[in-house]
């Protein structure tokens, strides 16, 4: 796996963790609100595609 792909995996993991923390904070802040229902974060795997650039050498 390339360096950029590894960085993407790390960045997406951090984003998911941040969303989960935000959802938890939202749930705690609205716990006593009338009619409030708890929100959940659903985590799963996601396929991604990389684009490879092929360099062609032209010979005269």
Protein backbone atom coordinates (compact mmCIF):
# COMPACT_ATOMS: atom_id res chain seq x y z
CA UNK A 1 0.00 0.00 0.00
CA UNK A 2 1.34 3.43 -0.88
CA UNK A 3 2.14 6.18 1.58
CA UNK A 4 -0.87 8.25 0.50
CA UNK A 5 -3.20 5.27 0.96
CA UNK A 6 -1.85 4.74 4.46
CA UNK A 7 -2.35 8.41 5.29
CA UNK A 8 -5.90 8.20 3.96
CA UNK A 9 -6.65 5.23 6.22
CA UNK A 10 -5.31 7.10 9.22
CA UNK A 11 -7.18 10.32 8.40
CA UNK A 12 -10.48 8.53 7.84
CA UNK A 13 -10.07 6.70 11.16
CA UNK A 14 -9.51 9.99 12.96
CA UNK A 15 -12.58 11.48 11.28
CA UNK A 16 -14.75 8.56 12.40
CA UNK A 17 -13.46 8.88 15.95
CA UNK A 18 -14.19 12.62 15.97
CA UNK A 19 -17.73 11.99 14.72
CA UNK A 20 -18.29 9.40 17.45
CA UNK A 21 -17.09 11.85 20.13
CA UNK A 22 -19.34 14.59 18.73
CA UNK A 23 -22.32 12.25 18.77
CA UNK A 24 -21.60 11.23 22.36
CA UNK A 25 -21.37 14.88 23.41
CA UNK A 26 -24.64 15.62 21.60
CA UNK A 27 -26.36 12.72 23.36
CA UNK A 28 -25.12 13.83 26.77
CA UNK A 29 -26.09 17.48 26.21
CA UNK A 30 -29.64 16.57 25.20
CA UNK A 31 -30.24 13.78 27.70
CA UNK A 32 -32.95 15.66 29.60
CA UNK A 33 -34.63 17.21 26.54
CA UNK A 34 -38.26 16.16 26.13
CA UNK A 35 -38.74 13.93 23.09
CA UNK A 36 -35.04 13.46 22.49
CA UNK A 37 -33.90 10.14 21.06
CA UNK A 38 -30.32 8.91 21.22
CA UNK A 39 -28.18 9.07 18.09
CA UNK A 40 -25.67 6.40 17.11
CA UNK A 41 -22.59 6.26 14.93
CA UNK A 42 -22.39 3.29 12.59
CA UNK A 43 -18.88 2.21 11.63
CA UNK A 44 -17.96 -0.09 8.80
CA UNK A 45 -15.40 -0.77 6.13
CA UNK A 46 -15.28 1.24 2.96
CA UNK A 47 -13.65 0.38 -0.32
CA UNK A 48 -11.60 3.04 -2.01
CA UNK A 49 -9.89 3.28 -5.32
CA UNK A 50 -6.45 4.63 -6.03
CA UNK A 51 -5.41 6.23 -9.26
CA UNK A 52 -2.06 5.21 -10.62
CA UNK A 53 -0.20 7.34 -13.08
CA UNK A 54 1.73 5.32 -15.61
CA UNK A 55 4.74 7.01 -17.18
CA UNK A 56 5.48 6.06 -20.74
CA UNK A 57 8.90 6.74 -22.17
CA UNK A 58 8.85 7.79 -25.80
CA UNK A 59 11.81 6.68 -27.83
CA UNK A 60 12.78 8.69 -30.91
